């Protein structure tokens, strides 16, 4: 009987909403199982395509900097300013909101590995559907 290998994976939840100014707010909540902690961040983008490009960059940043983010975010929790500054370098902000939208796209990745673009295809479709359904609901309510 072959041995079963369990691979540790970082779990990403991504959501996208349009604000009143028409900008896209992309929220990312990543759970890092190796250190058993969760980081929430967000960014704004002017278009859906720009949001997807920035999402790919953000996920790559979060993948490659897991150790630094954990060290400054958990180990040095008294210095949250540094964590926020470190995220700001990648165009991200700490997301302090507790609630996360129900409609989200999920992505599971092996830690510290690059993110192949094809893995973001289902995420792109899921986010496009969630933004479209939000716009449809808003149009019906008008």
N, C-alpha and C. Protein backbone atom coordinates (compact mmCIF):
# COMPACT_ATOMS: atom_id res chain seq x y z
N UNK A 1 0.85 -1.18 0.00
CA UNK A 1 0.00 0.00 0.00
C UNK A 1 0.89 1.25 0.00
N UNK A 2 0.72 2.14 -0.95
CA UNK A 2 1.57 3.34 -1.00
C UNK A 2 1.31 4.26 0.20
N UNK A 3 2.39 4.84 0.65
CA UNK A 3 2.28 5.78 1.77
C UNK A 3 1.56 7.04 1.32
N UNK A 4 0.74 7.54 2.19
CA UNK A 4 -0.02 8.75 1.86
C UNK A 4 0.77 9.97 2.31
N UNK A 5 1.02 10.88 1.41
CA UNK A 5 1.76 12.09 1.77
C UNK A 5 0.79 13.24 1.89
N UNK A 6 0.93 13.97 2.94
CA UNK A 6 0.10 15.15 3.11
C UNK A 6 0.98 16.37 2.86
N UNK A 7 0.54 17.19 1.98
CA UNK A 7 1.26 18.39 1.64
C UNK A 7 0.62 19.58 2.33
N UNK A 8 1.44 20.34 3.00
CA UNK A 8 0.95 21.56 3.63
C UNK A 8 0.66 22.56 2.52
N UNK A 9 -0.48 23.23 2.59
CA UNK A 9 -0.85 24.21 1.57
C UNK A 9 -1.35 25.48 2.21
N UNK A 10 -0.95 26.60 1.62
CA UNK A 10 -1.49 27.90 2.04
C UNK A 10 -2.85 28.05 1.36
N UNK A 11 -3.84 28.41 2.15
CA UNK A 11 -5.20 28.56 1.62
C UNK A 11 -5.55 30.03 1.48
N UNK A 12 -5.89 30.43 0.27
CA UNK A 12 -6.26 31.81 -0.04
C UNK A 12 -7.75 31.90 -0.30
N UNK A 13 -8.40 32.87 0.30
CA UNK A 13 -9.79 33.23 -0.03
C UNK A 13 -9.72 34.64 -0.60
N UNK A 14 -10.30 34.82 -1.75
CA UNK A 14 -10.28 36.12 -2.42
C UNK A 14 -11.70 36.56 -2.72
N UNK A 15 -11.97 37.83 -2.48
CA UNK A 15 -13.28 38.37 -2.83
C UNK A 15 -13.07 39.71 -3.53
N UNK A 16 -14.07 40.08 -4.30
CA UNK A 16 -13.99 41.35 -5.03
C UNK A 16 -15.35 42.03 -4.98
N UNK A 17 -15.32 43.31 -4.67
CA UNK A 17 -16.55 44.11 -4.65
C UNK A 17 -16.24 45.46 -5.30
N UNK A 18 -17.28 46.08 -5.83
CA UNK A 18 -17.11 47.44 -6.36
C UNK A 18 -17.64 48.40 -5.33
N UNK A 19 -16.89 49.48 -5.10
CA UNK A 19 -17.36 50.48 -4.15
C UNK A 19 -18.19 51.54 -4.88
N UNK A 20 -18.65 52.53 -4.14
CA UNK A 20 -19.53 53.55 -4.73
C UNK A 20 -18.82 54.39 -5.79
N UNK A 21 -17.51 54.47 -5.70
CA UNK A 21 -16.75 55.23 -6.70
C UNK A 21 -16.43 54.41 -7.94
N UNK A 22 -16.86 53.14 -7.95
CA UNK A 22 -16.61 52.29 -9.11
C UNK A 22 -15.29 51.55 -9.07
N UNK A 23 -14.52 51.70 -8.00
CA UNK A 23 -13.24 50.99 -7.86
C UNK A 23 -13.51 49.56 -7.38
N UNK A 24 -12.60 48.69 -7.71
CA UNK A 24 -12.69 47.30 -7.29
C UNK A 24 -11.87 47.12 -6.01
N UNK A 25 -12.51 46.61 -4.98
CA UNK A 25 -11.85 46.31 -3.71
C UNK A 25 -11.63 44.80 -3.67
N UNK A 26 -10.37 44.39 -3.67
CA UNK A 26 -10.03 42.98 -3.65
C UNK A 26 -9.50 42.64 -2.26
N UNK A 27 -10.17 41.69 -1.62
CA UNK A 27 -9.75 41.26 -0.29
C UNK A 27 -9.16 39.87 -0.37
N UNK A 28 -8.08 39.67 0.36
CA UNK A 28 -7.39 38.38 0.38
C UNK A 28 -7.24 37.96 1.83
N UNK A 29 -7.65 36.77 2.12
CA UNK A 29 -7.42 36.20 3.45
C UNK A 29 -6.66 34.90 3.23
N UNK A 30 -5.44 34.85 3.75
CA UNK A 30 -4.60 33.67 3.56
C UNK A 30 -4.35 33.01 4.92
N UNK A 31 -4.51 31.69 4.92
CA UNK A 31 -4.21 30.91 6.12
C UNK A 31 -2.91 30.16 5.87
N UNK A 32 -1.93 30.43 6.72
CA UNK A 32 -0.63 29.75 6.64
C UNK A 32 -0.60 28.64 7.68
N UNK A 33 -0.75 27.38 7.27
CA UNK A 33 -0.83 26.30 8.26
C UNK A 33 0.48 25.98 8.97
N UNK A 34 1.63 26.27 8.36
CA UNK A 34 2.90 25.94 9.02
C UNK A 34 3.06 26.70 10.33
N UNK A 35 2.54 27.91 10.39
CA UNK A 35 2.60 28.71 11.62
C UNK A 35 1.23 28.88 12.24
N UNK A 36 0.23 28.28 11.63
CA UNK A 36 -1.15 28.33 12.12
C UNK A 36 -1.63 29.75 12.37
N UNK A 37 -1.54 30.60 11.35
CA UNK A 37 -2.04 31.96 11.48
C UNK A 37 -2.65 32.42 10.16
N UNK A 38 -3.43 33.47 10.27
CA UNK A 38 -4.15 34.01 9.13
C UNK A 38 -3.80 35.48 8.95
N UNK A 39 -3.64 35.89 7.71
CA UNK A 39 -3.34 37.28 7.38
C UNK A 39 -4.43 37.76 6.42
N UNK A 40 -4.96 38.92 6.70
CA UNK A 40 -5.98 39.52 5.83
C UNK A 40 -5.44 40.82 5.27
N UNK A 41 -5.56 40.98 3.95
CA UNK A 41 -5.08 42.18 3.29
C UNK A 41 -6.07 42.55 2.19
N UNK A 42 -5.94 43.78 1.69
CA UNK A 42 -6.79 44.20 0.58
C UNK A 42 -6.05 45.24 -0.26
N UNK A 43 -6.57 45.46 -1.45
CA UNK A 43 -6.08 46.53 -2.32
C UNK A 43 -7.23 47.01 -3.18
N UNK A 44 -7.04 48.18 -3.76
CA UNK A 44 -8.03 48.77 -4.66
C UNK A 44 -7.45 48.80 -6.07
N UNK A 45 -8.33 48.66 -7.06
CA UNK A 45 -7.91 48.72 -8.46
C UNK A 45 -8.99 49.44 -9.25
N UNK A 46 -8.58 50.06 -10.34
CA UNK A 46 -9.52 50.86 -11.13
C UNK A 46 -10.31 50.04 -12.15
N UNK A 47 -9.82 48.84 -12.50
CA UNK A 47 -10.54 48.00 -13.46
C UNK A 47 -10.41 46.54 -13.05
N UNK A 48 -11.27 45.71 -13.61
CA UNK A 48 -11.23 44.29 -13.29
C UNK A 48 -9.91 43.68 -13.75
N UNK A 49 -9.47 44.01 -14.96
CA UNK A 49 -8.21 43.45 -15.46
C UNK A 49 -7.03 43.87 -14.61
N UNK A 50 -7.00 45.14 -14.21
CA UNK A 50 -5.92 45.62 -13.34
C UNK A 50 -5.97 44.91 -11.99
N UNK A 51 -7.17 44.65 -11.49
CA UNK A 51 -7.32 43.94 -10.22
C UNK A 51 -6.75 42.52 -10.32
N UNK A 52 -6.97 41.87 -11.45
CA UNK A 52 -6.46 40.51 -11.61
C UNK A 52 -4.94 40.48 -11.73
N UNK A 53 -4.38 41.46 -12.41
CA UNK A 53 -2.91 41.55 -12.50
C UNK A 53 -2.32 41.77 -11.12
N UNK A 54 -2.93 42.69 -10.38
CA UNK A 54 -2.45 43.00 -9.04
C UNK A 54 -2.68 41.83 -8.09
N UNK A 55 -3.75 41.07 -8.28
CA UNK A 55 -4.01 39.91 -7.44
C UNK A 55 -2.90 38.87 -7.63
N UNK A 56 -2.50 38.63 -8.86
CA UNK A 56 -1.42 37.69 -9.13
C UNK A 56 -0.13 38.15 -8.44
N UNK A 57 0.16 39.44 -8.53
CA UNK A 57 1.36 39.97 -7.87
C UNK A 57 1.26 39.85 -6.35
N UNK A 58 0.08 40.11 -5.82
CA UNK A 58 -0.12 40.05 -4.37
C UNK A 58 0.03 38.62 -3.85
N UNK A 59 -0.55 37.66 -4.55
CA UNK A 59 -0.45 36.26 -4.12
C UNK A 59 1.01 35.81 -4.18
N UNK A 60 1.73 36.18 -5.23
CA UNK A 60 3.15 35.84 -5.31
C UNK A 60 3.93 36.47 -4.15
N UNK A 61 3.63 37.71 -3.84
CA UNK A 61 4.29 38.39 -2.71
C UNK A 61 4.00 37.66 -1.40
N UNK A 62 2.74 37.33 -1.17
CA UNK A 62 2.36 36.64 0.06
C UNK A 62 2.97 35.24 0.14
N UNK A 63 3.09 34.59 -0.99
CA UNK A 63 3.73 33.27 -1.02
C UNK A 63 5.21 33.35 -0.66
N UNK A 64 5.92 34.30 -1.25
CA UNK A 64 7.37 34.38 -1.08
C UNK A 64 7.80 35.00 0.24
N UNK A 65 6.91 35.69 0.90
CA UNK A 65 7.29 36.40 2.12
C UNK A 65 6.58 35.88 3.37
N UNK A 66 6.15 34.63 3.32
CA UNK A 66 5.42 34.06 4.45
C UNK A 66 6.20 34.18 5.76
N UNK A 67 7.47 33.82 5.75
CA UNK A 67 8.27 33.85 6.99
C UNK A 67 8.40 35.27 7.55
N UNK A 68 8.69 36.23 6.69
CA UNK A 68 8.82 37.62 7.14
C UNK A 68 7.50 38.16 7.67
N UNK A 69 6.43 37.86 6.96
CA UNK A 69 5.12 38.33 7.38
C UNK A 69 4.73 37.72 8.73
N UNK A 70 5.02 36.45 8.91
CA UNK A 70 4.70 35.79 10.17
C UNK A 70 5.55 36.38 11.30
N UNK A 71 6.83 36.55 11.05
CA UNK A 71 7.74 37.07 12.07
C UNK A 71 7.27 38.45 12.55
N UNK A 72 6.98 39.32 11.61
CA UNK A 72 6.57 40.68 12.00
C UNK A 72 5.11 40.78 12.38
N UNK A 73 4.28 39.88 11.88
CA UNK A 73 2.86 39.94 12.18
C UNK A 73 2.44 39.23 13.45
N UNK A 74 3.15 38.16 13.79
CA UNK A 74 2.77 37.37 14.96
C UNK A 74 3.83 37.48 16.05
N UNK A 75 5.05 37.16 15.71
CA UNK A 75 6.12 37.18 16.70
C UNK A 75 6.34 38.58 17.27
N UNK A 76 6.22 39.57 16.44
CA UNK A 76 6.45 40.95 16.86
C UNK A 76 5.15 41.73 16.78
N UNK A 77 4.09 41.17 17.31
CA UNK A 77 2.75 41.76 17.20
C UNK A 77 2.68 43.18 17.75
N UNK A 78 3.59 43.54 18.64
CA UNK A 78 3.59 44.90 19.19
C UNK A 78 3.96 45.92 18.12
N UNK A 79 4.62 45.47 17.05
CA UNK A 79 5.05 46.38 16.00
C UNK A 79 4.24 46.14 14.73
N UNK A 80 2.91 46.28 14.82
CA UNK A 80 2.07 46.08 13.64
C UNK A 80 2.35 47.10 12.56
N UNK A 81 2.91 48.23 12.94
CA UNK A 81 3.25 49.25 11.95
C UNK A 81 4.23 48.74 10.92
N UNK A 82 5.17 47.90 11.34
CA UNK A 82 6.13 47.35 10.39
C UNK A 82 5.44 46.40 9.43
N UNK A 83 4.53 45.57 9.94
CA UNK A 83 3.79 44.64 9.06
C UNK A 83 3.02 45.42 8.00
N UNK A 84 2.36 46.47 8.44
CA UNK A 84 1.59 47.30 7.50
C UNK A 84 2.51 47.93 6.47
N UNK A 85 3.67 48.40 6.91
CA UNK A 85 4.64 49.02 5.99
C UNK A 85 5.17 48.00 5.00
N UNK A 86 5.44 46.80 5.47
CA UNK A 86 5.94 45.73 4.60
C UNK A 86 4.89 45.38 3.55
N UNK A 87 3.64 45.30 3.93
CA UNK A 87 2.57 45.03 2.98
C UNK A 87 2.40 46.18 1.99
N UNK A 88 2.56 47.39 2.47
CA UNK A 88 2.40 48.57 1.63
C UNK A 88 3.39 48.56 0.47
N UNK A 89 4.58 47.97 0.68
CA UNK A 89 5.57 47.87 -0.40
C UNK A 89 5.02 47.11 -1.59
N UNK A 90 4.10 46.18 -1.33
CA UNK A 90 3.49 45.38 -2.39
C UNK A 90 2.15 45.94 -2.83
N UNK A 91 1.79 47.12 -2.34
CA UNK A 91 0.51 47.73 -2.71
C UNK A 91 -0.67 47.17 -1.94
N UNK A 92 -0.41 46.52 -0.81
CA UNK A 92 -1.47 45.93 0.01
C UNK A 92 -1.63 46.71 1.30
N UNK A 93 -2.80 46.56 1.90
CA UNK A 93 -3.06 47.14 3.21
C UNK A 93 -3.61 46.05 4.10
N UNK A 94 -3.35 46.15 5.41
CA UNK A 94 -3.93 45.20 6.35
C UNK A 94 -5.44 45.36 6.34
N UNK A 95 -6.14 44.26 6.32
CA UNK A 95 -7.61 44.28 6.34
C UNK A 95 -8.04 43.94 7.77
N UNK A 96 -8.53 44.92 8.49
CA UNK A 96 -8.90 44.74 9.89
C UNK A 96 -10.36 44.33 10.07
N UNK A 97 -11.09 44.20 8.95
CA UNK A 97 -12.50 43.81 9.03
C UNK A 97 -12.61 42.34 9.44
N UNK A 98 -13.57 42.05 10.30
CA UNK A 98 -13.75 40.70 10.81
C UNK A 98 -14.53 39.84 9.81
N UNK A 99 -15.60 40.40 9.28
CA UNK A 99 -16.45 39.66 8.35
C UNK A 99 -15.76 39.54 6.99
N UNK A 100 -15.96 38.39 6.34
CA UNK A 100 -15.44 38.19 4.99
C UNK A 100 -16.63 37.83 4.11
N UNK A 101 -16.72 38.38 2.90
CA UNK A 101 -17.86 38.09 2.03
C UNK A 101 -18.04 36.59 1.79
N UNK A 102 -19.30 36.18 1.71
CA UNK A 102 -19.60 34.76 1.46
C UNK A 102 -19.11 34.33 0.09
N UNK A 103 -19.33 35.20 -0.89
CA UNK A 103 -18.91 34.87 -2.24
C UNK A 103 -17.42 35.14 -2.37
N UNK A 104 -16.68 34.07 -2.46
CA UNK A 104 -15.23 34.22 -2.59
C UNK A 104 -14.70 33.09 -3.46
N UNK A 105 -13.51 33.30 -3.97
CA UNK A 105 -12.82 32.28 -4.75
C UNK A 105 -11.68 31.75 -3.89
N UNK A 106 -11.45 30.46 -3.97
CA UNK A 106 -10.43 29.83 -3.14
C UNK A 106 -9.27 29.32 -3.99
N UNK A 107 -8.10 29.35 -3.38
CA UNK A 107 -6.89 28.90 -4.04
C UNK A 107 -6.02 28.26 -2.98
N UNK A 108 -5.45 27.12 -3.28
CA UNK A 108 -4.62 26.40 -2.33
C UNK A 108 -3.26 26.15 -2.99
N UNK A 109 -2.18 26.62 -2.32
CA UNK A 109 -0.84 26.56 -2.91
C UNK A 109 0.19 26.00 -1.94
N UNK A 110 1.17 25.30 -2.48
CA UNK A 110 2.28 24.82 -1.68
C UNK A 110 3.12 26.05 -1.27
N UNK A 111 3.48 26.16 0.01
CA UNK A 111 4.22 27.34 0.48
C UNK A 111 5.51 27.60 -0.29
N UNK A 112 5.80 28.88 -0.44
CA UNK A 112 7.05 29.39 -1.02
C UNK A 112 7.29 28.97 -2.47
N UNK A 113 6.26 28.55 -3.16
CA UNK A 113 6.38 28.21 -4.57
C UNK A 113 5.75 29.32 -5.39
N UNK A 114 6.27 29.56 -6.60
CA UNK A 114 5.64 30.55 -7.47
C UNK A 114 4.22 30.13 -7.85
N UNK A 115 3.42 31.11 -8.20
CA UNK A 115 2.02 30.86 -8.54
C UNK A 115 1.89 30.80 -10.06
N UNK A 116 1.64 29.61 -10.61
CA UNK A 116 1.45 29.54 -12.06
C UNK A 116 0.18 30.29 -12.45
N UNK A 117 0.24 31.05 -13.52
CA UNK A 117 -0.88 31.89 -13.94
C UNK A 117 -2.14 31.07 -14.21
N UNK A 118 -2.00 29.84 -14.70
CA UNK A 118 -3.19 29.04 -15.02
C UNK A 118 -4.01 28.71 -13.78
N UNK A 119 -3.39 28.71 -12.60
CA UNK A 119 -4.14 28.43 -11.37
C UNK A 119 -5.09 29.57 -11.01
N UNK A 120 -4.81 30.75 -11.53
CA UNK A 120 -5.66 31.90 -11.24
C UNK A 120 -6.89 31.98 -12.15
N UNK A 121 -6.95 31.14 -13.17
CA UNK A 121 -8.11 31.13 -14.08
C UNK A 121 -9.43 30.91 -13.36
N UNK A 122 -9.54 29.85 -12.55
CA UNK A 122 -10.80 29.64 -11.81
C UNK A 122 -11.09 30.77 -10.82
N UNK A 123 -10.05 31.35 -10.24
CA UNK A 123 -10.23 32.47 -9.32
C UNK A 123 -10.79 33.66 -10.09
N UNK A 124 -10.24 33.92 -11.26
CA UNK A 124 -10.72 35.03 -12.10
C UNK A 124 -12.19 34.86 -12.44
N UNK A 125 -12.58 33.64 -12.85
CA UNK A 125 -13.99 33.38 -13.19
C UNK A 125 -14.88 33.56 -11.97
N UNK A 126 -14.45 33.04 -10.83
CA UNK A 126 -15.25 33.17 -9.61
C UNK A 126 -15.43 34.61 -9.19
N UNK A 127 -14.37 35.41 -9.28
CA UNK A 127 -14.46 36.82 -8.91
C UNK A 127 -15.32 37.59 -9.91
N UNK A 128 -15.20 37.26 -11.19
CA UNK A 128 -16.02 37.93 -12.21
C UNK A 128 -17.50 37.65 -11.95
N UNK A 129 -17.83 36.41 -11.61
CA UNK A 129 -19.22 36.05 -11.32
C UNK A 129 -19.73 36.77 -10.08
N UNK A 130 -18.89 36.88 -9.06
CA UNK A 130 -19.34 37.55 -7.82
C UNK A 130 -19.56 39.04 -8.04
N UNK A 131 -18.71 39.68 -8.83
CA UNK A 131 -18.88 41.10 -9.12
C UNK A 131 -20.11 41.30 -9.99
N UNK A 132 -20.32 40.43 -10.96
CA UNK A 132 -21.47 40.53 -11.86
C UNK A 132 -22.77 40.31 -11.09
N UNK A 133 -22.79 39.33 -10.18
CA UNK A 133 -24.02 39.09 -9.42
C UNK A 133 -24.31 40.25 -8.48
N UNK A 134 -23.29 40.88 -7.95
CA UNK A 134 -23.48 42.06 -7.10
C UNK A 134 -24.07 43.21 -7.92
N UNK A 135 -23.58 43.39 -9.13
CA UNK A 135 -24.09 44.46 -10.00
C UNK A 135 -25.53 44.17 -10.40
N UNK A 136 -25.86 42.89 -10.65
CA UNK A 136 -27.23 42.52 -11.03
C UNK A 136 -28.20 42.80 -9.89
N UNK A 137 -27.81 42.47 -8.68
CA UNK A 137 -28.66 42.72 -7.51
C UNK A 137 -28.86 44.22 -7.33
N UNK A 138 -27.80 45.02 -7.52
CA UNK A 138 -27.89 46.46 -7.37
C UNK A 138 -28.82 47.03 -8.45
N UNK A 139 -28.75 46.51 -9.66
CA UNK A 139 -29.60 47.02 -10.75
C UNK A 139 -31.07 46.70 -10.49
N UNK A 140 -31.34 45.54 -9.92
CA UNK A 140 -32.72 45.16 -9.61
C UNK A 140 -33.27 46.06 -8.51
N UNK A 141 -32.43 46.43 -7.55
CA UNK A 141 -32.87 47.26 -6.45
C UNK A 141 -33.10 48.72 -6.83
N UNK A 142 -32.62 49.15 -7.98
CA UNK A 142 -32.77 50.57 -8.40
C UNK A 142 -34.16 50.90 -8.83
